[in-house]
Amino acid sequence: MPEAASLRLERPPGFASDEEFRSQVREAVRKREDRAASRIGRDGGSFMGPRRVMAQRPTARPPPGERRRALSPRVACRDRWRRVEALRRLELFVDEYRAAWAKLRKGTRNALFPPGTCWVRVMLGARCAAG
């Protein structure tokens, strides 16, 4: 990477002056920020905006005990019933995996892991059901 670089900025054609172009860019950015803030507000969040973002320390971290989201990061779906179905499949997978892992730990080398299991197959040579 070079130590320094230069960039020459020119206004696009169709604008009478640099100030007219700057003004239109500022207005377009403000409208997009307002739309984003409205959307985030409807979803229950808050919009920081550029001033608050720039005022943050780059090394800042969220405080411990911050409220976590209710959805599992493994399953996210807006449709309630599809989410319930996916969570049930995940629960079945975990139950089958744990049962097979317990057998493997007890020395049963032919324990059958559920489809989608990769690590135990590759690293330990365990058997996995066909998906």
C-alpha atoms as a PDB file:
ATOM      1  CA  MET A   1       0.000   0.000   0.000  1.00  0.00           C
ATOM      2  CA  PRO A   2       1.299   3.464  -0.769  1.00  0.00           C
ATOM      3  CA  GLU A   3       1.979   5.874   2.075  1.00  0.00           C
ATOM      4  CA  ALA A   4      -0.277   8.455   0.461  1.00  0.00           C
ATOM      5  CA  ALA A   5      -2.687   8.685  -2.442  1.00  0.00           C
ATOM      6  CA  SER A   6      -4.558  11.531  -4.046  1.00  0.00           C
ATOM      7  CA  LEU A   7      -8.106  11.605  -5.296  1.00  0.00           C
ATOM      8  CA  ARG A   8      -9.497  14.308  -7.551  1.00  0.00           C
ATOM      9  CA  LEU A   9     -13.189  14.924  -7.085  1.00  0.00           C
ATOM     10  CA  GLU A  10     -15.319  16.586  -9.755  1.00  0.00           C
ATOM     11  CA  ARG A  11     -19.007  17.268  -9.765  1.00  0.00           C
ATOM     12  CA  PRO A  12     -20.998  15.078 -12.147  1.00  0.00           C
ATOM     13  CA  PRO A  13     -22.484  16.662 -15.251  1.00  0.00           C
ATOM     14  CA  GLY A  14     -25.948  18.171 -14.888  1.00  0.00           C
ATOM     15  CA  PHE A  15     -25.294  20.314 -11.812  1.00  0.00           C
ATOM     16  CA  ALA A  16     -24.887  24.067 -12.025  1.00  0.00           C
ATOM     17  CA  SER A  17     -22.433  24.274  -9.121  1.00  0.00           C
ATOM     18  CA  ASP A  18     -20.533  22.239  -6.579  1.00  0.00           C
ATOM     19  CA  GLU A  19     -22.851  23.562  -3.859  1.00  0.00           C
ATOM     20  CA  GLU A  20     -25.954  22.383  -5.748  1.00  0.00           C
ATOM     21  CA  PHE A  21     -24.451  18.890  -5.998  1.00  0.00           C
ATOM     22  CA  ARG A  22     -23.453  18.868  -2.304  1.00  0.00           C
ATOM     23  CA  SER A  23     -26.922  20.043  -1.325  1.00  0.00           C
ATOM     24  CA  GLN A  24     -28.632  17.279  -3.297  1.00  0.00           C
ATOM     25  CA  VAL A  25     -26.294  14.625  -1.884  1.00  0.00           C
ATOM     26  CA  ARG A  26     -26.911  15.878   1.680  1.00  0.00           C
ATOM     27  CA  GLU A  27     -30.696  15.797   1.110  1.00  0.00           C
ATOM     28  CA  ALA A  28     -30.587  12.271  -0.377  1.00  0.00           C
ATOM     29  CA  VAL A  29     -28.483  11.011   2.551  1.00  0.00           C
ATOM     30  CA  ARG A  30     -30.834  12.660   5.070  1.00  0.00           C
ATOM     31  CA  LYS A  31     -33.869  10.999   3.441  1.00  0.00           C
ATOM     32  CA  ARG A  32     -32.196   7.585   3.505  1.00  0.00           C
ATOM     33  CA  GLU A  33     -31.226   8.032   7.157  1.00  0.00           C
ATOM     34  CA  ASP A  34     -34.801   9.045   8.023  1.00  0.00           C
ATOM     35  CA  ARG A  35     -36.204   5.981   6.226  1.00  0.00           C
ATOM     36  CA  ALA A  36     -33.697   3.710   7.978  1.00  0.00           C
ATOM     37  CA  ALA A  37     -34.497   5.260  11.378  1.00  0.00           C
ATOM     38  CA  SER A  38     -38.240   4.774  10.785  1.00  0.00           C
ATOM     39  CA  ARG A  39     -37.788   1.158   9.740  1.00  0.00           C
ATOM     40  CA  ILE A  40     -35.534   0.388  12.696  1.00  0.00           C
ATOM     41  CA  GLY A  41     -37.979   2.153  15.051  1.00  0.00           C
ATOM     42  CA  ARG A  42     -40.897   0.069  13.749  1.00  0.00           C
ATOM     43  CA  ASP A  43     -38.856  -3.064  14.480  1.00  0.00           C
ATOM     44  CA  GLY A  44     -38.282  -1.936  18.072  1.00  0.00           C
ATOM     45  CA  GLY A  45     -34.706  -0.715  17.669  1.00  0.00           C
ATOM     46  CA  SER A  46     -33.129   2.707  17.713  1.00  0.00           C
ATOM     47  CA  PHE A  47     -31.076   4.554  15.126  1.00  0.00           C
ATOM     48  CA  MET A  48     -27.869   6.163  16.299  1.00  0.00           C
ATOM     49  CA  GLY A  49     -27.138   8.474  13.415  1.00  0.00           C
ATOM     50  CA  PRO A  50     -23.715   9.671  12.302  1.00  0.00           C
ATOM     51  CA  ARG A  51     -22.974  11.974  15.262  1.00  0.00           C
ATOM     52  CA  ARG A  52     -23.558   9.276  17.882  1.00  0.00           C
ATOM     53  CA  VAL A  53     -21.649   6.712  15.836  1.00  0.00           C
ATOM     54  CA  MET A  54     -18.653   9.035  15.496  1.00  0.00           C
ATOM     55  CA  ALA A  55     -18.784   9.845  19.233  1.00  0.00           C
ATOM     56  CA  GLN A  56     -18.291   6.182  20.172  1.00  0.00           C
ATOM     57  CA  ARG A  57     -14.922   4.943  21.280  1.00  0.00           C
ATOM     58  CA  PRO A  58     -13.567   2.374  18.801  1.00  0.00           C
ATOM     59  CA  THR A  59     -12.641   0.083  21.701  1.00  0.00           C
ATOM     60  CA  ALA A  60     -16.053   0.298  23.398  1.00  0.00           C
ATOM     61  CA  ARG A  61     -17.930  -2.931  24.143  1.00  0.00           C
ATOM     62  CA  PRO A  62     -21.500  -3.547  25.239  1.00  0.00           C
ATOM     63  CA  PRO A  63     -21.935  -3.820  28.988  1.00  0.00           C
ATOM     64  CA  PRO A  64     -22.323  -7.310  30.448  1.00  0.00           C
ATOM     65  CA  GLY A  65     -25.861  -8.407  31.040  1.00  0.00           C
ATOM     66  CA  GLU A  66     -27.204  -6.684  27.955  1.00  0.00           C
ATOM     67  CA  ARG A  67     -30.626  -8.036  27.015  1.00  0.00           C
ATOM     68  CA  ARG A  68     -30.308 -10.703  24.376  1.00  0.00           C
ATOM     69  CA  ARG A  69     -32.696 -11.336  21.541  1.00  0.00           C
ATOM     70  CA  ALA A  70     -35.385 -13.947  22.031  1.00  0.00           C
ATOM     71  CA  LEU A  71     -34.668 -15.842  18.806  1.00  0.00           C
ATOM     72  CA  SER A  72     -31.968 -18.478  18.728  1.00  0.00           C
ATOM     73  CA  PRO A  73     -29.215 -17.485  16.318  1.00  0.00           C
ATOM     74  CA  ARG A  74     -29.443 -21.004  14.855  1.00  0.00           C
ATOM     75  CA  VAL A  75     -33.034 -20.515  13.728  1.00  0.00           C
ATOM     76  CA  ALA A  76     -34.514 -17.226  12.569  1.00  0.00           C
ATOM     77  CA  CYS A  77     -37.715 -17.029  10.581  1.00  0.00           C
ATOM     78  CA  ARG A  78     -40.523 -14.481  10.491  1.00  0.00           C
ATOM     79  CA  ASP A  79     -43.133 -17.181   9.884  1.00  0.00           C
ATOM     80  CA  ARG A  80     -43.991 -18.565  13.327  1.00  0.00           C
ATOM     81  CA  TRP A  81     -44.932 -22.074  12.211  1.00  0.00           C
ATOM     82  CA  ARG A  82     -41.873 -22.529  10.002  1.00  0.00           C
ATOM     83  CA  ARG A  83     -39.739 -21.390  12.947  1.00  0.00           C
ATOM     84  CA  VAL A  84     -41.495 -23.843  15.297  1.00  0.00           C
ATOM     85  CA  GLU A  85     -40.920 -26.641  12.776  1.00  0.00           C
ATOM     86  CA  ALA A  86     -37.246 -25.735  12.349  1.00  0.00           C
ATOM     87  CA  LEU A  87     -36.755 -25.579  16.132  1.00  0.00           C
ATOM     88  CA  ARG A  88     -38.360 -29.014  16.495  1.00  0.00           C
ATOM     89  CA  ARG A  89     -36.036 -30.454  13.810  1.00  0.00           C
ATOM     90  CA  LEU A  90     -33.077 -28.885  15.618  1.00  0.00           C
ATOM     91  CA  GLU A  91     -34.246 -30.346  18.931  1.00  0.00           C
ATOM     92  CA  LEU A  92     -34.515 -33.826  17.350  1.00  0.00           C
ATOM     93  CA  PHE A  93     -31.053 -33.444  15.809  1.00  0.00           C
ATOM     94  CA  VAL A  94     -29.532 -32.456  19.164  1.00  0.00           C
ATOM     95  CA  ASP A  95     -31.261 -35.370  20.942  1.00  0.00           C
ATOM     96  CA  GLU A  96     -30.006 -37.882  18.340  1.00  0.00           C
ATOM     97  CA  TYR A  97     -26.524 -36.376  18.375  1.00  0.00           C
ATOM     98  CA  ARG A  98     -26.291 -36.497  22.183  1.00  0.00           C
ATOM     99  CA  ALA A  99     -27.487 -40.105  22.270  1.00  0.00           C
ATOM    100  CA  ALA A 100     -24.922 -41.132  19.636  1.00  0.00           C
ATOM    101  CA  TRP A 101     -22.182 -39.164  21.420  1.00  0.00           C
ATOM    102  CA  ALA A 102     -22.998 -40.907  24.707  1.00  0.00           C
ATOM    103  CA  LYS A 103     -22.720 -44.312  22.969  1.00  0.00           C
ATOM    104  CA  LEU A 104     -19.426 -43.319  21.369  1.00  0.00           C
ATOM    105  CA  ARG A 105     -18.022 -42.194  24.727  1.00  0.00           C
ATOM    106  CA  LYS A 106     -18.990 -45.524  26.259  1.00  0.00           C
ATOM    107  CA  GLY A 107     -16.960 -47.277  23.571  1.00  0.00           C
ATOM    108  CA  THR A 108     -19.687 -48.212  21.077  1.00  0.00           C
ATOM    109  CA  ARG A 109     -17.789 -47.636  17.832  1.00  0.00           C
ATOM    110  CA  ASN A 110     -20.828 -48.171  15.600  1.00  0.00           C
ATOM    111  CA  ALA A 111     -22.866 -45.309  17.118  1.00  0.00           C
ATOM    112  CA  LEU A 112     -24.953 -43.726  14.362  1.00  0.00           C
ATOM    113  CA  PHE A 113     -24.949 -39.922  14.272  1.00  0.00           C
ATOM    114  CA  PRO A 114     -27.765 -37.959  12.592  1.00  0.00           C
ATOM    115  CA  PRO A 115     -27.484 -36.584   9.037  1.00  0.00           C
ATOM    116  CA  GLY A 116     -25.620 -33.284   8.903  1.00  0.00           C
ATOM    117  CA  THR A 117     -22.966 -34.352  11.379  1.00  0.00           C
ATOM    118  CA  CYS A 118     -19.530 -33.745   9.936  1.00  0.00           C
ATOM    119  CA  TRP A 119     -16.879 -33.292  12.617  1.00  0.00           C
ATOM    120  CA  VAL A 120     -17.263 -36.702  14.310  1.00  0.00           C
ATOM    121  CA  ARG A 121     -17.281 -38.417  10.928  1.00  0.00           C
ATOM    122  CA  VAL A 122     -14.147 -36.679   9.694  1.00  0.00           C
ATOM    123  CA  MET A 123     -12.176 -36.493  12.939  1.00  0.00           C
ATOM    124  CA  LEU A 124     -13.282 -39.673  14.705  1.00  0.00           C
ATOM    125  CA  GLY A 125     -14.439 -41.865  11.833  1.00  0.00           C
ATOM    126  CA  ALA A 126     -17.943 -42.199  13.301  1.00  0.00           C
ATOM    127  CA  ARG A 127     -20.880 -43.399  11.227  1.00  0.00           C
ATOM    128  CA  CYS A 128     -23.472 -40.867  10.070  1.00  0.00           C
ATOM    129  CA  ALA A 129     -26.981 -41.523   8.778  1.00  0.00           C
ATOM    130  CA  ALA A 130     -27.719 -40.610   5.165  1.00  0.00           C
ATOM    131  CA  GLY A 131     -29.547 -37.337   4.730  1.00  0.00           C
END
